[in-house]
């Protein structure tokens, strides 16, 4: 924006000592890479990124090197973040259905001014104030929400890559459940079958 602030999403090496880092969620046996969302400041005068401006908003521990943080998009001061489910190991344990982790979710935060005690706020999110939910969650039940965009009318559209049977394009409503890993599009994962076989 006009202040020069911009944001990047990437997987970074997981530090040996994670004390003091802000994890939205972590796993018991993480791989050596975390999903991270970072704020930077661009210097318009000399047309360079100020490397010392790095401010980490959050990171997410990953069970495998697959389906990590995805696209970022801004609207009306809010930063929307697609995050994958962490692949099959996560999906077998609930995937995007878990209330208290960032896997398989669309997240939303409002970055605060530089120098603020906290890098963002979640006031206004559908689960803000509910201690049983991660307050950064905007919508849940996604497998691999790799593309986010807004219509001219302001509706959030999320493209979610399916596993084998179907792809999804979701018109997202705040707080709603989009099914994964209990279902994929119109296919329901049946209790008697595995994720790849139990569809009907």
N, C-alpha and C. Protein backbone atom coordinates (compact mmCIF):
# COMPACT_ATOMS: atom_id res chain seq x y z
N UNK A 1 0.83 -1.19 0.00
CA UNK A 1 0.00 0.00 0.00
C UNK A 1 0.87 1.24 0.00
N UNK A 2 0.25 2.42 0.17
CA UNK A 2 1.00 3.67 0.08
C UNK A 2 2.04 3.85 1.19
N UNK A 3 1.91 3.08 2.28
CA UNK A 3 2.90 3.14 3.36
C UNK A 3 4.12 2.29 3.06
N UNK A 4 4.03 1.48 2.01
CA UNK A 4 5.14 0.60 1.65
C UNK A 4 5.07 -0.77 2.28
N UNK A 5 4.08 -1.00 3.14
CA UNK A 5 3.98 -2.32 3.78
C UNK A 5 3.44 -3.34 2.79
N UNK A 6 4.04 -4.52 2.79
CA UNK A 6 3.53 -5.62 1.98
C UNK A 6 3.83 -6.93 2.70
N UNK A 7 3.22 -8.02 2.21
CA UNK A 7 3.24 -9.28 2.95
C UNK A 7 3.62 -10.43 2.04
N UNK A 8 4.34 -11.39 2.62
CA UNK A 8 4.73 -12.58 1.88
C UNK A 8 4.36 -13.82 2.68
N UNK A 9 4.09 -14.91 1.97
CA UNK A 9 3.80 -16.20 2.60
C UNK A 9 4.74 -17.22 2.02
N UNK A 10 5.37 -18.01 2.87
CA UNK A 10 6.35 -18.98 2.42
C UNK A 10 6.60 -20.02 3.51
N UNK A 11 7.27 -21.11 3.12
CA UNK A 11 7.79 -22.05 4.11
C UNK A 11 9.22 -21.66 4.41
N UNK A 12 9.55 -21.61 5.71
CA UNK A 12 10.89 -21.28 6.15
C UNK A 12 11.43 -22.40 7.02
N UNK A 13 12.75 -22.47 7.13
CA UNK A 13 13.35 -23.46 8.02
C UNK A 13 12.83 -23.25 9.44
N UNK A 14 12.51 -24.34 10.09
CA UNK A 14 12.04 -24.26 11.47
C UNK A 14 13.25 -24.10 12.40
N UNK A 15 13.27 -23.07 13.23
CA UNK A 15 14.42 -22.89 14.13
C UNK A 15 14.53 -24.03 15.14
N UNK A 16 15.73 -24.29 15.57
CA UNK A 16 15.94 -25.29 16.61
C UNK A 16 15.26 -24.87 17.90
N UNK A 17 15.36 -23.59 18.22
CA UNK A 17 14.72 -23.03 19.41
C UNK A 17 13.56 -22.16 18.97
N UNK A 18 12.33 -22.57 19.27
CA UNK A 18 11.15 -21.84 18.82
C UNK A 18 10.59 -20.92 19.90
N UNK A 19 11.30 -20.77 20.99
CA UNK A 19 10.86 -19.90 22.08
C UNK A 19 10.63 -18.48 21.57
N UNK A 20 9.48 -17.92 21.89
CA UNK A 20 9.19 -16.56 21.51
C UNK A 20 8.55 -16.40 20.15
N UNK A 21 8.48 -17.47 19.37
CA UNK A 21 7.84 -17.39 18.06
C UNK A 21 6.34 -17.55 18.20
N UNK A 22 5.60 -16.92 17.30
CA UNK A 22 4.14 -16.91 17.38
C UNK A 22 3.53 -17.97 16.46
N UNK A 23 3.25 -19.14 17.02
CA UNK A 23 2.61 -20.22 16.26
C UNK A 23 1.10 -20.15 16.44
N UNK A 24 0.38 -20.11 15.32
CA UNK A 24 -1.08 -20.26 15.42
C UNK A 24 -1.40 -21.66 15.89
N UNK A 25 -0.66 -22.63 15.36
CA UNK A 25 -0.81 -24.02 15.78
C UNK A 25 0.46 -24.76 15.43
N UNK A 26 0.67 -25.87 16.11
CA UNK A 26 1.86 -26.68 15.88
C UNK A 26 1.43 -28.14 15.97
N UNK A 27 2.34 -29.03 15.61
CA UNK A 27 2.05 -30.46 15.64
C UNK A 27 3.09 -31.14 16.52
N UNK A 28 2.78 -32.36 16.96
CA UNK A 28 3.66 -33.05 17.90
C UNK A 28 4.98 -33.45 17.27
N UNK A 29 4.96 -33.80 15.99
CA UNK A 29 6.20 -34.17 15.29
C UNK A 29 6.31 -33.36 14.00
N UNK A 30 6.68 -32.10 14.11
CA UNK A 30 6.74 -31.24 12.92
C UNK A 30 7.92 -31.54 12.03
N UNK A 31 7.77 -31.23 10.75
CA UNK A 31 8.92 -31.28 9.84
C UNK A 31 9.78 -30.04 10.11
N UNK A 32 10.91 -29.97 9.44
CA UNK A 32 11.86 -28.89 9.71
C UNK A 32 11.56 -27.63 8.90
N UNK A 33 10.28 -27.42 8.59
CA UNK A 33 9.87 -26.22 7.88
C UNK A 33 8.51 -25.76 8.38
N UNK A 34 8.35 -24.44 8.57
CA UNK A 34 7.09 -23.84 9.03
C UNK A 34 6.48 -22.97 7.93
N UNK A 35 5.16 -22.93 7.89
CA UNK A 35 4.49 -21.89 7.11
C UNK A 35 4.65 -20.57 7.85
N UNK A 36 4.99 -19.51 7.13
CA UNK A 36 5.12 -18.21 7.77
C UNK A 36 4.45 -17.12 6.93
N UNK A 37 3.94 -16.11 7.62
CA UNK A 37 3.41 -14.90 6.98
C UNK A 37 4.17 -13.73 7.58
N UNK A 38 4.79 -12.92 6.70
CA UNK A 38 5.73 -11.89 7.14
C UNK A 38 5.38 -10.55 6.51
N UNK A 39 5.51 -9.50 7.30
CA UNK A 39 5.32 -8.13 6.82
C UNK A 39 6.68 -7.49 6.55
N UNK A 40 6.76 -6.72 5.47
CA UNK A 40 7.97 -5.99 5.09
C UNK A 40 7.58 -4.54 4.77
N UNK A 41 8.59 -3.70 4.65
CA UNK A 41 8.38 -2.31 4.23
C UNK A 41 9.25 -2.03 3.01
N UNK A 42 8.59 -1.50 1.98
CA UNK A 42 9.29 -1.11 0.75
C UNK A 42 9.65 0.36 0.81
N UNK A 43 10.90 0.67 0.50
CA UNK A 43 11.37 2.05 0.48
C UNK A 43 11.22 2.60 -0.94
N UNK A 44 10.25 3.49 -1.11
CA UNK A 44 9.99 4.02 -2.45
C UNK A 44 11.13 4.91 -2.94
N UNK A 45 11.83 5.56 -2.01
CA UNK A 45 12.88 6.50 -2.40
C UNK A 45 14.02 5.80 -3.12
N UNK A 46 14.47 4.67 -2.57
CA UNK A 46 15.57 3.97 -3.23
C UNK A 46 15.13 2.66 -3.89
N UNK A 47 13.82 2.41 -3.88
CA UNK A 47 13.22 1.26 -4.58
C UNK A 47 13.84 -0.07 -4.12
N UNK A 48 13.92 -0.21 -2.81
CA UNK A 48 14.41 -1.46 -2.24
C UNK A 48 13.54 -1.86 -1.05
N UNK A 49 13.61 -3.13 -0.71
CA UNK A 49 12.94 -3.62 0.49
C UNK A 49 13.87 -3.44 1.68
N UNK A 50 13.34 -2.85 2.75
CA UNK A 50 14.12 -2.68 3.97
C UNK A 50 14.17 -4.03 4.69
N UNK A 51 15.30 -4.71 4.62
CA UNK A 51 15.41 -6.04 5.21
C UNK A 51 15.24 -6.02 6.72
N UNK A 52 15.57 -4.90 7.34
CA UNK A 52 15.43 -4.80 8.80
C UNK A 52 13.97 -4.61 9.23
N UNK A 53 13.07 -4.41 8.26
CA UNK A 53 11.66 -4.16 8.59
C UNK A 53 10.87 -5.45 8.82
N UNK A 54 11.49 -6.58 8.66
CA UNK A 54 10.78 -7.87 8.75
C UNK A 54 10.01 -7.98 10.07
N UNK A 55 8.69 -8.20 9.96
CA UNK A 55 7.83 -8.41 11.13
C UNK A 55 6.98 -9.65 10.86
N UNK A 56 7.22 -10.69 11.65
CA UNK A 56 6.50 -11.94 11.44
C UNK A 56 5.13 -11.86 12.09
N UNK A 57 4.08 -12.09 11.28
CA UNK A 57 2.73 -12.10 11.84
C UNK A 57 2.45 -13.40 12.58
N UNK A 58 2.74 -14.51 11.93
CA UNK A 58 2.55 -15.81 12.58
C UNK A 58 3.22 -16.89 11.77
N UNK A 59 3.30 -18.07 12.37
CA UNK A 59 3.77 -19.25 11.68
C UNK A 59 2.92 -20.45 12.08
N UNK A 60 2.98 -21.50 11.26
CA UNK A 60 2.18 -22.70 11.48
C UNK A 60 3.11 -23.91 11.36
N UNK A 61 3.12 -24.77 12.38
CA UNK A 61 3.89 -26.00 12.32
C UNK A 61 3.25 -26.98 11.35
N UNK A 62 4.07 -27.69 10.59
CA UNK A 62 3.60 -28.58 9.54
C UNK A 62 3.92 -30.04 9.83
N UNK A 63 2.95 -30.95 9.60
CA UNK A 63 3.21 -32.38 9.79
C UNK A 63 4.01 -33.00 8.66
N UNK A 64 3.91 -32.43 7.44
CA UNK A 64 4.65 -32.91 6.26
C UNK A 64 4.95 -31.71 5.38
N UNK A 65 5.79 -31.93 4.37
CA UNK A 65 6.12 -30.86 3.43
C UNK A 65 5.08 -30.82 2.30
N UNK A 66 3.86 -30.57 2.61
CA UNK A 66 2.83 -30.56 1.58
C UNK A 66 1.64 -29.75 2.08
N UNK A 67 0.99 -29.05 1.17
CA UNK A 67 -0.21 -28.24 1.48
C UNK A 67 0.05 -27.25 2.61
N UNK A 68 1.05 -26.38 2.44
CA UNK A 68 1.33 -25.37 3.46
C UNK A 68 0.53 -24.10 3.20
N UNK A 69 1.09 -22.96 3.61
CA UNK A 69 0.43 -21.67 3.40
C UNK A 69 0.33 -21.39 1.90
N UNK A 70 -0.74 -20.75 1.51
CA UNK A 70 -1.02 -20.49 0.09
C UNK A 70 -1.07 -18.99 -0.17
N UNK A 71 -2.03 -18.58 -0.97
CA UNK A 71 -2.08 -17.19 -1.42
C UNK A 71 -2.56 -16.24 -0.33
N UNK A 72 -2.05 -15.01 -0.41
CA UNK A 72 -2.52 -13.91 0.43
C UNK A 72 -3.32 -12.94 -0.44
N UNK A 73 -4.32 -12.30 0.18
CA UNK A 73 -5.07 -11.27 -0.54
C UNK A 73 -5.58 -10.25 0.48
N UNK A 74 -5.59 -8.99 0.09
CA UNK A 74 -6.03 -7.91 0.97
C UNK A 74 -7.39 -7.38 0.51
N UNK A 75 -8.20 -7.01 1.50
CA UNK A 75 -9.43 -6.26 1.20
C UNK A 75 -9.86 -5.49 2.44
N UNK A 76 -10.04 -4.20 2.29
CA UNK A 76 -10.54 -3.33 3.35
C UNK A 76 -9.74 -3.46 4.65
N UNK A 77 -8.43 -3.53 4.52
CA UNK A 77 -7.56 -3.60 5.68
C UNK A 77 -7.35 -4.98 6.26
N UNK A 78 -8.07 -5.97 5.73
CA UNK A 78 -7.95 -7.34 6.22
C UNK A 78 -7.04 -8.14 5.28
N UNK A 79 -6.20 -8.97 5.90
CA UNK A 79 -5.34 -9.88 5.15
C UNK A 79 -5.93 -11.28 5.23
N UNK A 80 -6.27 -11.84 4.09
CA UNK A 80 -6.84 -13.19 4.00
C UNK A 80 -5.73 -14.15 3.57
N UNK A 81 -5.66 -15.30 4.24
CA UNK A 81 -4.58 -16.26 4.03
C UNK A 81 -5.18 -17.65 3.84
N UNK A 82 -4.90 -18.27 2.70
CA UNK A 82 -5.28 -19.66 2.51
C UNK A 82 -4.20 -20.57 3.08
N UNK A 83 -4.61 -21.59 3.83
CA UNK A 83 -3.62 -22.54 4.35
C UNK A 83 -4.10 -23.96 4.12
N UNK A 84 -3.23 -24.79 3.54
CA UNK A 84 -3.57 -26.17 3.25
C UNK A 84 -3.66 -27.03 4.50
N UNK A 85 -4.12 -28.27 4.31
CA UNK A 85 -4.41 -29.15 5.44
C UNK A 85 -3.20 -29.93 5.94
N UNK A 86 -2.03 -29.72 5.33
CA UNK A 86 -0.85 -30.48 5.76
C UNK A 86 -0.82 -31.88 5.19
N UNK A 87 -1.60 -32.15 4.13
CA UNK A 87 -1.59 -33.42 3.41
C UNK A 87 -2.27 -34.55 4.19
N UNK A 88 -2.04 -35.79 3.74
CA UNK A 88 -2.85 -36.91 4.19
C UNK A 88 -2.72 -37.17 5.68
N UNK A 89 -1.54 -36.97 6.26
CA UNK A 89 -1.39 -37.23 7.69
C UNK A 89 -2.35 -36.36 8.49
N UNK A 90 -2.49 -35.12 8.08
CA UNK A 90 -3.42 -34.22 8.76
C UNK A 90 -4.86 -34.62 8.46
N UNK A 91 -5.15 -34.94 7.21
CA UNK A 91 -6.51 -35.25 6.82
C UNK A 91 -7.06 -36.45 7.57
N UNK A 92 -6.22 -37.43 7.83
CA UNK A 92 -6.67 -38.60 8.57
C UNK A 92 -7.06 -38.27 10.00
N UNK A 93 -6.58 -37.14 10.49
CA UNK A 93 -6.89 -36.73 11.86
C UNK A 93 -7.87 -35.57 11.91
N UNK A 94 -8.59 -35.35 10.85
CA UNK A 94 -9.60 -34.31 10.87
C UNK A 94 -9.41 -33.23 9.84
N UNK A 95 -8.17 -33.11 9.33
CA UNK A 95 -7.93 -32.12 8.29
C UNK A 95 -8.42 -30.75 8.67
N UNK A 96 -9.22 -30.15 7.81
CA UNK A 96 -9.72 -28.80 8.04
C UNK A 96 -10.80 -28.68 9.07
N UNK A 97 -11.17 -29.78 9.74
CA UNK A 97 -12.28 -29.75 10.70
C UNK A 97 -11.85 -29.37 12.12
N UNK A 98 -10.56 -29.36 12.41
CA UNK A 98 -10.13 -29.04 13.76
C UNK A 98 -10.34 -27.56 14.08
N UNK A 99 -10.89 -27.29 15.25
CA UNK A 99 -11.21 -25.91 15.64
C UNK A 99 -10.00 -25.10 16.07
N UNK A 100 -8.96 -25.80 16.52
CA UNK A 100 -7.86 -25.09 17.18
C UNK A 100 -6.54 -25.18 16.44
N UNK A 101 -6.59 -25.42 15.12
CA UNK A 101 -5.36 -25.31 14.35
C UNK A 101 -5.63 -24.58 13.03
N UNK A 102 -4.55 -24.22 12.36
CA UNK A 102 -4.65 -23.41 11.14
C UNK A 102 -4.67 -24.24 9.87
N UNK A 103 -4.61 -25.57 10.00
CA UNK A 103 -4.54 -26.44 8.83
C UNK A 103 -5.91 -26.57 8.17
N UNK A 104 -5.94 -26.39 6.84
CA UNK A 104 -7.19 -26.52 6.10
C UNK A 104 -8.16 -25.38 6.34
N UNK A 105 -7.64 -24.17 6.43
CA UNK A 105 -8.46 -23.02 6.78
C UNK A 105 -8.23 -21.85 5.83
N UNK A 106 -9.19 -20.94 5.80
CA UNK A 106 -8.94 -19.58 5.35
C UNK A 106 -8.85 -18.73 6.61
N UNK A 107 -7.71 -18.07 6.77
CA UNK A 107 -7.45 -17.25 7.94
C UNK A 107 -7.63 -15.78 7.58
N UNK A 108 -7.96 -14.96 8.59
CA UNK A 108 -8.10 -13.53 8.34
C UNK A 108 -7.58 -12.75 9.54
N UNK A 109 -6.69 -11.80 9.28
CA UNK A 109 -6.16 -10.93 10.33
C UNK A 109 -6.13 -9.50 9.80
N UNK A 110 -6.19 -8.54 10.72
CA UNK A 110 -6.07 -7.13 10.35
C UNK A 110 -4.75 -6.61 10.93
N UNK A 111 -3.73 -6.41 10.08
CA UNK A 111 -2.44 -5.93 10.59
C UNK A 111 -2.57 -4.59 11.31
N UNK A 112 -1.81 -4.45 12.39
CA UNK A 112 -1.81 -3.22 13.18
C UNK A 112 -0.66 -2.32 12.74
N UNK A 113 -0.63 -1.12 13.29
CA UNK A 113 0.42 -0.16 12.95
C UNK A 113 1.78 -0.67 13.38
N UNK A 114 2.80 -0.26 12.66
CA UNK A 114 4.16 -0.61 13.04
C UNK A 114 4.43 -0.11 14.45
N UNK A 115 5.08 -0.94 15.25
CA UNK A 115 5.37 -0.57 16.62
C UNK A 115 4.31 -1.00 17.62
N UNK A 116 3.18 -1.54 17.14
CA UNK A 116 2.13 -2.01 18.04
C UNK A 116 2.60 -3.24 18.79
N UNK A 117 2.01 -3.46 19.97
CA UNK A 117 2.40 -4.62 20.78
C UNK A 117 2.11 -5.93 20.06
N UNK A 118 0.99 -5.98 19.33
CA UNK A 118 0.63 -7.17 18.57
C UNK A 118 0.62 -6.82 17.08
N UNK A 119 1.05 -7.75 16.22
CA UNK A 119 1.14 -7.43 14.79
C UNK A 119 -0.21 -7.38 14.07
N UNK A 120 -1.25 -7.89 14.71
CA UNK A 120 -2.57 -7.88 14.07
C UNK A 120 -3.65 -8.06 15.12
N UNK A 121 -4.89 -7.83 14.68
CA UNK A 121 -6.06 -8.10 15.52
C UNK A 121 -7.00 -9.04 14.77
N UNK A 122 -7.85 -9.74 15.52
CA UNK A 122 -8.87 -10.62 14.92
C UNK A 122 -10.27 -10.15 15.26
N UNK A 123 -10.40 -8.99 15.88
CA UNK A 123 -11.72 -8.45 16.24
C UNK A 123 -12.54 -8.27 14.97
N UNK A 124 -13.72 -8.89 14.93
CA UNK A 124 -14.55 -8.87 13.74
C UNK A 124 -14.59 -10.20 13.01
N UNK A 125 -13.72 -11.13 13.39
CA UNK A 125 -13.75 -12.46 12.80
C UNK A 125 -14.89 -13.29 13.41
N UNK A 126 -15.37 -14.30 12.68
CA UNK A 126 -16.55 -15.04 13.16
C UNK A 126 -16.34 -15.79 14.46
N UNK A 127 -15.10 -16.19 14.78
CA UNK A 127 -14.86 -16.96 16.01
C UNK A 127 -14.08 -16.16 17.06
N UNK A 128 -13.91 -14.89 16.83
CA UNK A 128 -13.22 -14.05 17.82
C UNK A 128 -14.03 -14.05 19.12
N UNK A 129 -13.34 -14.31 20.23
CA UNK A 129 -14.01 -14.34 21.53
C UNK A 129 -14.51 -15.70 21.95
N UNK A 130 -14.44 -16.69 21.07
CA UNK A 130 -14.83 -18.06 21.40
C UNK A 130 -13.56 -18.86 21.66
N UNK A 131 -13.30 -19.20 22.91
CA UNK A 131 -12.04 -19.83 23.30
C UNK A 131 -11.86 -21.23 22.71
N UNK A 132 -12.92 -21.83 22.21
CA UNK A 132 -12.80 -23.17 21.63
C UNK A 132 -12.30 -23.13 20.18
N UNK A 133 -12.22 -21.94 19.61
CA UNK A 133 -11.79 -21.78 18.22
C UNK A 133 -10.54 -20.90 18.14
N UNK A 134 -9.72 -21.16 17.13
CA UNK A 134 -8.63 -20.28 16.81
C UNK A 134 -9.24 -19.00 16.23
N UNK A 135 -8.98 -17.84 16.82
CA UNK A 135 -9.69 -16.62 16.39
C UNK A 135 -9.32 -16.15 15.00
N UNK A 136 -8.20 -16.62 14.46
CA UNK A 136 -7.80 -16.21 13.11
C UNK A 136 -8.60 -16.92 12.03
N UNK A 137 -9.37 -17.95 12.38
CA UNK A 137 -10.12 -18.71 11.38
C UNK A 137 -11.28 -17.88 10.85
N UNK A 138 -11.35 -17.79 9.53
CA UNK A 138 -12.45 -17.09 8.85
C UNK A 138 -13.45 -18.10 8.28
N UNK A 139 -12.93 -19.22 7.75
CA UNK A 139 -13.75 -20.33 7.27
C UNK A 139 -12.88 -21.57 7.32
N UNK A 140 -13.51 -22.75 7.33
CA UNK A 140 -12.74 -23.98 7.53
C UNK A 140 -13.25 -25.10 6.65
N UNK A 141 -12.52 -26.24 6.71
CA UNK A 141 -12.92 -27.40 5.90
C UNK A 141 -12.36 -27.37 4.49
N UNK A 142 -11.11 -26.91 4.33
CA UNK A 142 -10.46 -26.86 3.02
C UNK A 142 -9.31 -27.86 2.96
N UNK A 143 -9.04 -28.34 1.77
CA UNK A 143 -7.91 -29.26 1.58
C UNK A 143 -6.65 -28.51 1.16
N UNK A 144 -6.77 -27.73 0.10
CA UNK A 144 -5.61 -27.04 -0.46
C UNK A 144 -6.08 -25.75 -1.13
N UNK A 145 -6.49 -24.75 -0.35
CA UNK A 145 -7.09 -23.52 -0.90
C UNK A 145 -6.03 -22.60 -1.52
N UNK A 146 -5.64 -22.96 -2.75
CA UNK A 146 -4.45 -22.33 -3.34
C UNK A 146 -4.71 -20.99 -3.99
N UNK A 147 -5.98 -20.62 -4.23
CA UNK A 147 -6.24 -19.34 -4.90
C UNK A 147 -7.42 -18.64 -4.22
N UNK A 148 -7.23 -17.36 -3.90
CA UNK A 148 -8.27 -16.53 -3.30
C UNK A 148 -8.46 -15.29 -4.15
N UNK A 149 -9.71 -14.88 -4.32
CA UNK A 149 -9.98 -13.64 -5.04
C UNK A 149 -11.34 -13.10 -4.59
N UNK A 150 -11.60 -11.85 -4.93
CA UNK A 150 -12.87 -11.22 -4.59
C UNK A 150 -13.60 -10.81 -5.85
N UNK A 151 -14.92 -10.96 -5.83
CA UNK A 151 -15.74 -10.46 -6.91
C UNK A 151 -15.87 -8.93 -6.77
N UNK A 152 -16.40 -8.29 -7.77
CA UNK A 152 -16.61 -6.84 -7.70
C UNK A 152 -17.55 -6.47 -6.57
N UNK A 153 -18.44 -7.41 -6.24
CA UNK A 153 -19.40 -7.17 -5.15
C UNK A 153 -18.80 -7.44 -3.77
N UNK A 154 -17.56 -7.95 -3.72
CA UNK A 154 -16.90 -8.18 -2.44
C UNK A 154 -17.04 -9.58 -1.90
N UNK A 155 -17.50 -10.53 -2.69
CA UNK A 155 -17.62 -11.91 -2.23
C UNK A 155 -16.28 -12.62 -2.40
N UNK A 156 -15.86 -13.32 -1.34
CA UNK A 156 -14.62 -14.08 -1.39
C UNK A 156 -14.83 -15.40 -2.11
N UNK A 157 -13.97 -15.66 -3.11
CA UNK A 157 -14.01 -16.90 -3.88
C UNK A 157 -12.72 -17.65 -3.61
N UNK A 158 -12.84 -18.94 -3.26
CA UNK A 158 -11.67 -19.76 -2.95
C UNK A 158 -11.67 -20.99 -3.85
N UNK A 159 -10.56 -21.19 -4.57
CA UNK A 159 -10.37 -22.40 -5.37
C UNK A 159 -9.63 -23.42 -4.51
N UNK A 160 -10.24 -24.58 -4.31
CA UNK A 160 -9.70 -25.60 -3.43
C UNK A 160 -9.39 -26.85 -4.26
N UNK A 161 -8.10 -27.23 -4.30
CA UNK A 161 -7.69 -28.38 -5.11
C UNK A 161 -8.11 -29.67 -4.43
N UNK A 162 -8.83 -30.52 -5.15
CA UNK A 162 -9.28 -31.79 -4.62
C UNK A 162 -8.20 -32.85 -4.70
N UNK A 163 -8.50 -34.01 -4.12
CA UNK A 163 -7.51 -35.10 -4.14
C UNK A 163 -7.62 -35.93 -5.41
N UNK A 164 -8.73 -36.62 -5.59
CA UNK A 164 -8.87 -37.50 -6.74
C UNK A 164 -10.19 -37.31 -7.48
N UNK A 165 -11.23 -36.91 -6.77
CA UNK A 165 -12.56 -36.99 -7.34
C UNK A 165 -13.12 -35.69 -7.90
N UNK A 166 -12.78 -34.57 -7.31
CA UNK A 166 -13.45 -33.33 -7.68
C UNK A 166 -12.64 -32.14 -7.20
N UNK A 167 -12.73 -31.04 -7.95
CA UNK A 167 -12.16 -29.76 -7.53
C UNK A 167 -13.30 -28.87 -7.04
N UNK A 168 -12.96 -27.87 -6.24
CA UNK A 168 -14.00 -26.99 -5.71
C UNK A 168 -13.70 -25.54 -5.99
N UNK A 169 -14.76 -24.78 -6.27
CA UNK A 169 -14.71 -23.32 -6.24
C UNK A 169 -15.80 -22.90 -5.27
N UNK A 170 -15.38 -22.31 -4.15
CA UNK A 170 -16.31 -21.99 -3.07
C UNK A 170 -16.56 -20.50 -2.95
N UNK A 171 -17.83 -20.14 -2.83
CA UNK A 171 -18.22 -18.78 -2.46
C UNK A 171 -18.27 -18.75 -0.94
N UNK A 172 -17.29 -18.11 -0.32
CA UNK A 172 -17.06 -18.27 1.10
C UNK A 172 -17.90 -17.31 1.94
N UNK A 173 -18.56 -17.88 2.93
CA UNK A 173 -19.32 -17.14 3.93
C UNK A 173 -18.58 -17.26 5.25
N UNK A 174 -18.38 -16.17 5.99
CA UNK A 174 -17.62 -16.23 7.24
C UNK A 174 -18.16 -17.27 8.21
N UNK A 175 -17.26 -18.07 8.78
CA UNK A 175 -17.64 -19.05 9.79
C UNK A 175 -18.16 -20.36 9.26
N UNK A 176 -18.30 -20.50 7.95
CA UNK A 176 -18.89 -21.72 7.39
C UNK A 176 -17.86 -22.84 7.24
N UNK A 177 -18.39 -24.06 7.17
CA UNK A 177 -17.60 -25.27 7.02
C UNK A 177 -17.72 -25.75 5.57
N UNK A 178 -16.57 -25.92 4.90
CA UNK A 178 -16.58 -26.32 3.49
C UNK A 178 -16.22 -27.79 3.28
N UNK A 179 -16.28 -28.58 4.38
CA UNK A 179 -16.40 -30.02 4.23
C UNK A 179 -15.20 -30.89 4.44
N UNK A 180 -14.02 -30.50 3.91
CA UNK A 180 -12.87 -31.39 4.00
C UNK A 180 -12.43 -31.54 5.45
N UNK A 181 -12.12 -32.74 5.92
CA UNK A 181 -11.92 -33.95 5.16
C UNK A 181 -13.11 -34.92 5.24
N UNK A 182 -14.26 -34.42 5.73
CA UNK A 182 -15.44 -35.28 5.80
C UNK A 182 -16.08 -35.47 4.43
N UNK A 183 -15.83 -34.50 3.54
CA UNK A 183 -16.37 -34.61 2.19
C UNK A 183 -15.49 -33.83 1.24
N UNK A 184 -15.62 -34.10 -0.04
CA UNK A 184 -14.94 -33.35 -1.08
C UNK A 184 -15.97 -33.01 -2.14
N UNK A 185 -16.38 -31.76 -2.18
CA UNK A 185 -17.45 -31.37 -3.09
C UNK A 185 -18.71 -32.14 -2.79
N UNK A 186 -19.26 -32.82 -3.78
CA UNK A 186 -20.48 -33.60 -3.61
C UNK A 186 -20.21 -35.02 -3.12
N UNK A 187 -18.93 -35.39 -2.99
CA UNK A 187 -18.56 -36.73 -2.53
C UNK A 187 -18.42 -36.75 -1.01
N UNK A 188 -19.06 -37.73 -0.38
CA UNK A 188 -18.97 -37.88 1.08
C UNK A 188 -18.03 -39.02 1.39
N UNK A 189 -17.09 -38.77 2.32
CA UNK A 189 -16.18 -39.83 2.74
C UNK A 189 -16.90 -40.70 3.76
N UNK A 190 -17.19 -41.93 3.38
CA UNK A 190 -17.98 -42.82 4.22
C UNK A 190 -17.12 -43.44 5.32
N UNK A 191 -17.75 -43.70 6.45
CA UNK A 191 -17.03 -44.24 7.60
C UNK A 191 -16.43 -45.61 7.30
N UNK A 192 -17.04 -46.36 6.40
CA UNK A 192 -16.56 -47.72 6.13
C UNK A 192 -15.38 -47.74 5.15
N UNK A 193 -15.11 -46.62 4.53
CA UNK A 193 -14.05 -46.60 3.53
C UNK A 193 -12.91 -45.69 3.92
N UNK A 194 -11.82 -45.79 3.19
CA UNK A 194 -10.70 -44.91 3.40
C UNK A 194 -10.97 -43.60 2.65
N UNK A 195 -10.08 -42.62 2.83
CA UNK A 195 -10.30 -41.33 2.19
C UNK A 195 -10.33 -41.44 0.68
N UNK A 196 -9.53 -42.35 0.11
CA UNK A 196 -9.50 -42.50 -1.33
C UNK A 196 -10.65 -43.35 -1.85
N UNK A 197 -11.17 -44.27 -1.03
CA UNK A 197 -12.18 -45.23 -1.50
C UNK A 197 -13.58 -44.91 -1.00
N UNK A 198 -13.66 -44.33 0.19
CA UNK A 198 -14.97 -44.18 0.80
C UNK A 198 -15.70 -42.96 0.36
N UNK A 199 -16.15 -42.95 -0.89
CA UNK A 199 -16.92 -41.82 -1.39
C UNK A 199 -18.24 -42.33 -1.92
N UNK A 200 -19.24 -41.49 -1.86
CA UNK A 200 -20.53 -41.92 -2.36
C UNK A 200 -21.44 -40.75 -2.60
